[in-house]
PDB file of N, CA and C in Angstrom:
ATOM      1  N   MET A   1     -32.277  23.613   9.772  1.00  0.00           N
ATOM      2  CA  MET A   1     -31.722  22.312  10.033  1.00  0.00           C
ATOM      3  C   MET A   1     -30.263  22.414  10.496  1.00  0.00           C
ATOM      4  N   LEU A   2     -29.475  23.258   9.865  1.00  0.00           N
ATOM      5  CA  LEU A   2     -28.075  23.405  10.264  1.00  0.00           C
ATOM      6  C   LEU A   2     -27.969  23.932  11.689  1.00  0.00           C
ATOM      7  N   LYS A   3     -28.800  24.888  12.032  1.00  0.00           N
ATOM      8  CA  LYS A   3     -28.787  25.455  13.375  1.00  0.00           C
ATOM      9  C   LYS A   3     -29.195  24.408  14.406  1.00  0.00           C
ATOM     10  N   GLU A   4     -30.182  23.578  14.068  1.00  0.00           N
ATOM     11  CA  GLU A   4     -30.641  22.519  14.969  1.00  0.00           C
ATOM     12  C   GLU A   4     -29.561  21.465  15.198  1.00  0.00           C
ATOM     13  N   MET A   5     -28.689  21.286  14.211  1.00  0.00           N
ATOM     14  CA  MET A   5     -27.600  20.312  14.316  1.00  0.00           C
ATOM     15  C   MET A   5     -26.365  20.921  14.989  1.00  0.00           C
ATOM     16  N   ASN A   6     -26.488  22.180  15.438  1.00  0.00           N
ATOM     17  CA  ASN A   6     -25.400  22.905  16.104  1.00  0.00           C
ATOM     18  C   ASN A   6     -24.162  23.061  15.232  1.00  0.00           C
ATOM     19  N   VAL A   7     -24.375  23.275  13.931  1.00  0.00           N
ATOM     20  CA  VAL A   7     -23.260  23.546  13.018  1.00  0.00           C
ATOM     21  C   VAL A   7     -22.740  24.940  13.340  1.00  0.00           C
ATOM     22  N   GLY A   8     -21.446  25.055  13.592  1.00  0.00           N
ATOM     23  CA  GLY A   8     -20.862  26.339  13.946  1.00  0.00           C
ATOM     24  C   GLY A   8     -20.175  27.038  12.790  1.00  0.00           C
ATOM     25  N   ALA A   9     -19.736  26.265  11.795  1.00  0.00           N
ATOM     26  CA  ALA A   9     -19.025  26.842  10.660  1.00  0.00           C
ATOM     27  C   ALA A   9     -19.099  25.897   9.468  1.00  0.00           C
ATOM     28  N   ILE A  10     -19.000  26.493   8.283  1.00  0.00           N
ATOM     29  CA  ILE A  10     -18.990  25.730   7.038  1.00  0.00           C
ATOM     30  C   ILE A  10     -17.823  26.230   6.202  1.00  0.00           C
ATOM     31  N   VAL A  11     -16.985  25.300   5.740  1.00  0.00           N
ATOM     32  CA  VAL A  11     -15.841  25.629   4.889  1.00  0.00           C
ATOM     33  C   VAL A  11     -16.017  24.880   3.579  1.00  0.00           C
ATOM     34  N   ALA A  12     -15.949  25.607   2.465  1.00  0.00           N
ATOM     35  CA  ALA A  12     -16.110  24.984   1.150  1.00  0.00           C
ATOM     36  C   ALA A  12     -15.414  25.846   0.106  1.00  0.00           C
ATOM     37  N   ASN A  13     -15.266  25.278  -1.092  1.00  0.00           N
ATOM     38  CA  ASN A  13     -14.609  26.046  -2.151  1.00  0.00           C
ATOM     39  C   ASN A  13     -15.588  26.908  -2.932  1.00  0.00           C
ATOM     40  N   ASP A  14     -16.894  26.669  -2.777  1.00  0.00           N
ATOM     41  CA  ASP A  14     -17.880  27.487  -3.486  1.00  0.00           C
ATOM     42  C   ASP A  14     -19.231  27.389  -2.783  1.00  0.00           C
ATOM     43  N   PHE A  15     -19.988  28.478  -2.818  1.00  0.00           N
ATOM     44  CA  PHE A  15     -21.326  28.524  -2.243  1.00  0.00           C
ATOM     45  C   PHE A  15     -22.266  29.189  -3.234  1.00  0.00           C
ATOM     46  N   ALA A  16     -23.492  28.695  -3.305  1.00  0.00           N
ATOM     47  CA  ALA A  16     -24.522  29.421  -4.044  1.00  0.00           C
ATOM     48  C   ALA A  16     -24.828  30.681  -3.238  1.00  0.00           C
ATOM     49  N   ARG A  17     -25.063  31.776  -3.923  1.00  0.00           N
ATOM     50  CA  ARG A  17     -25.294  33.051  -3.235  1.00  0.00           C
ATOM     51  C   ARG A  17     -26.423  32.963  -2.215  1.00  0.00           C
ATOM     52  N   ILE A  18     -27.532  32.332  -2.563  1.00  0.00           N
ATOM     53  CA  ILE A  18     -28.669  32.258  -1.643  1.00  0.00           C
ATOM     54  C   ILE A  18     -28.315  31.443  -0.397  1.00  0.00           C
ATOM     55  N   PHE A  19     -27.561  30.348  -0.566  1.00  0.00           N
ATOM     56  CA  PHE A  19     -27.128  29.544   0.580  1.00  0.00           C
ATOM     57  C   PHE A  19     -26.196  30.361   1.466  1.00  0.00           C
ATOM     58  N   TYR A  20     -25.253  31.056   0.850  1.00  0.00           N
ATOM     59  CA  TYR A  20     -24.288  31.878   1.579  1.00  0.00           C
ATOM     60  C   TYR A  20     -24.999  32.905   2.449  1.00  0.00           C
ATOM     61  N   ARG A  21     -25.962  33.618   1.876  1.00  0.00           N
ATOM     62  CA  ARG A  21     -26.700  34.642   2.630  1.00  0.00           C
ATOM     63  C   ARG A  21     -27.544  34.016   3.738  1.00  0.00           C
ATOM     64  N   ASN A  22     -28.191  32.896   3.451  1.00  0.00           N
ATOM     65  CA  ASN A  22     -29.017  32.243   4.465  1.00  0.00           C
ATOM     66  C   ASN A  22     -28.182  31.769   5.650  1.00  0.00           C
ATOM     67  N   VAL A  23     -27.021  31.216   5.375  1.00  0.00           N
ATOM     68  CA  VAL A  23     -26.153  30.736   6.448  1.00  0.00           C
ATOM     69  C   VAL A  23     -25.677  31.905   7.309  1.00  0.00           C
ATOM     70  N   ILE A  24     -25.300  32.990   6.681  1.00  0.00           N
ATOM     71  CA  ILE A  24     -24.888  34.177   7.432  1.00  0.00           C
ATOM     72  C   ILE A  24     -26.047  34.682   8.286  1.00  0.00           C
ATOM     73  N   ASN A  25     -27.241  34.717   7.733  1.00  0.00           N
ATOM     74  CA  ASN A  25     -28.414  35.162   8.484  1.00  0.00           C
ATOM     75  C   ASN A  25     -28.709  34.262   9.681  1.00  0.00           C
ATOM     76  N   LEU A  26     -28.319  32.998   9.607  1.00  0.00           N
ATOM     77  CA  LEU A  26     -28.488  32.068  10.727  1.00  0.00           C
ATOM     78  C   LEU A  26     -27.398  32.249  11.790  1.00  0.00           C
ATOM     79  N   GLY A  27     -26.379  33.022  11.470  1.00  0.00           N
ATOM     80  CA  GLY A  27     -25.290  33.250  12.416  1.00  0.00           C
ATOM     81  C   GLY A  27     -24.219  32.175  12.379  1.00  0.00           C
ATOM     82  N   ILE A  28     -24.138  31.454  11.267  1.00  0.00           N
ATOM     83  CA  ILE A  28     -23.130  30.406  11.106  1.00  0.00           C
ATOM     84  C   ILE A  28     -21.947  30.983  10.331  1.00  0.00           C
ATOM     85  N   LEU A  29     -20.741  30.725  10.811  1.00  0.00           N
ATOM     86  CA  LEU A  29     -19.546  31.215  10.128  1.00  0.00           C
ATOM     87  C   LEU A  29     -19.360  30.502   8.797  1.00  0.00           C
ATOM     88  N   VAL A  30     -18.944  31.263   7.782  1.00  0.00           N
ATOM     89  CA  VAL A  30     -18.743  30.721   6.444  1.00  0.00           C
ATOM     90  C   VAL A  30     -17.352  31.128   5.970  1.00  0.00           C
ATOM     91  N   GLN A  31     -16.594  30.160   5.450  1.00  0.00           N
ATOM     92  CA  GLN A  31     -15.277  30.455   4.897  1.00  0.00           C
ATOM     93  C   GLN A  31     -15.147  29.795   3.537  1.00  0.00           C
ATOM     94  N   GLN A  32     -14.822  30.600   2.546  1.00  0.00           N
ATOM     95  CA  GLN A  32     -14.634  30.078   1.195  1.00  0.00           C
ATOM     96  C   GLN A  32     -13.139  29.983   0.918  1.00  0.00           C
ATOM     97  N   ILE A  33     -12.680  28.774   0.513  1.00  0.00           N
ATOM     98  CA  ILE A  33     -11.269  28.566   0.202  1.00  0.00           C
ATOM     99  C   ILE A  33     -11.145  27.818  -1.113  1.00  0.00           C
ATOM    100  N   GLU A  34      -9.973  27.873  -1.704  1.00  0.00           N
ATOM    101  CA  GLU A  34      -9.745  27.191  -2.979  1.00  0.00           C
ATOM    102  C   GLU A  34      -9.786  25.679  -2.788  1.00  0.00           C
ATOM    103  N   ALA A  35     -10.144  24.963  -3.833  1.00  0.00           N
ATOM    104  CA  ALA A  35     -10.315  23.507  -3.769  1.00  0.00           C
ATOM    105  C   ALA A  35      -9.048  22.794  -3.299  1.00  0.00           C
ATOM    106  N   ALA A  36      -7.896  23.198  -3.802  1.00  0.00           N
ATOM    107  CA  ALA A  36      -6.641  22.548  -3.414  1.00  0.00           C
ATOM    108  C   ALA A  36      -6.378  22.732  -1.926  1.00  0.00           C
ATOM    109  N   CYS A  37      -6.644  23.908  -1.440  1.00  0.00           N
ATOM    110  CA  CYS A  37      -6.456  24.194  -0.019  1.00  0.00           C
ATOM    111  C   CYS A  37      -7.482  23.432   0.812  1.00  0.00           C
ATOM    112  N   ALA A  38      -8.705  23.329   0.320  1.00  0.00           N
ATOM    113  CA  ALA A  38      -9.770  22.619   1.038  1.00  0.00           C
ATOM    114  C   ALA A  38      -9.405  21.157   1.242  1.00  0.00           C
ATOM    115  N   LYS A  39      -8.846  20.538   0.236  1.00  0.00           N
ATOM    116  CA  LYS A  39      -8.464  19.125   0.343  1.00  0.00           C
ATOM    117  C   LYS A  39      -7.407  18.940   1.421  1.00  0.00           C
ATOM    118  N   GLU A  40      -6.427  19.810   1.450  1.00  0.00           N
ATOM    119  CA  GLU A  40      -5.358  19.712   2.448  1.00  0.00           C
ATOM    120  C   GLU A  40      -5.897  19.973   3.852  1.00  0.00           C
ATOM    121  N   GLN A  41      -6.748  20.980   3.998  1.00  0.00           N
ATOM    122  CA  GLN A  41      -7.301  21.318   5.307  1.00  0.00           C
ATOM    123  C   GLN A  41      -8.228  20.235   5.836  1.00  0.00           C
ATOM    124  N   SER A  42      -8.965  19.565   4.948  1.00  0.00           N
ATOM    125  CA  SER A  42      -9.893  18.527   5.402  1.00  0.00           C
ATOM    126  C   SER A  42      -9.148  17.371   6.064  1.00  0.00           C
ATOM    127  N   LYS A  43      -7.920  17.131   5.654  1.00  0.00           N
ATOM    128  CA  LYS A  43      -7.115  16.078   6.279  1.00  0.00           C
ATOM    129  C   LYS A  43      -6.814  16.427   7.736  1.00  0.00           C
ATOM    130  N   LYS A  44      -6.670  17.710   8.024  1.00  0.00           N
ATOM    131  CA  LYS A  44      -6.374  18.149   9.384  1.00  0.00           C
ATOM    132  C   LYS A  44      -7.614  18.105  10.275  1.00  0.00           C
ATOM    133  N   ILE A  45      -8.782  18.317   9.682  1.00  0.00           N
ATOM    134  CA  ILE A  45     -10.023  18.379  10.456  1.00  0.00           C
ATOM    135  C   ILE A  45     -10.535  16.990  10.776  1.00  0.00           C
ATOM    136  N   PHE A  46     -10.519  16.103   9.780  1.00  0.00           N
ATOM    137  CA  PHE A  46     -11.112  14.781   9.971  1.00  0.00           C
ATOM    138  C   PHE A  46     -10.050  13.799  10.252  1.00  0.00           C
TER     139      PHE A  46
END
């Protein structure tokens, strides 16, 4: 579903291991960042 929606990257403060591996296997970039940093960065993206 993510690939069909043309998702190119996912940024979050935590991932379940199985989700993390599946996303990598789909060729989608994954970045894990701390919650405080995620909140600040989301303001820049949206």
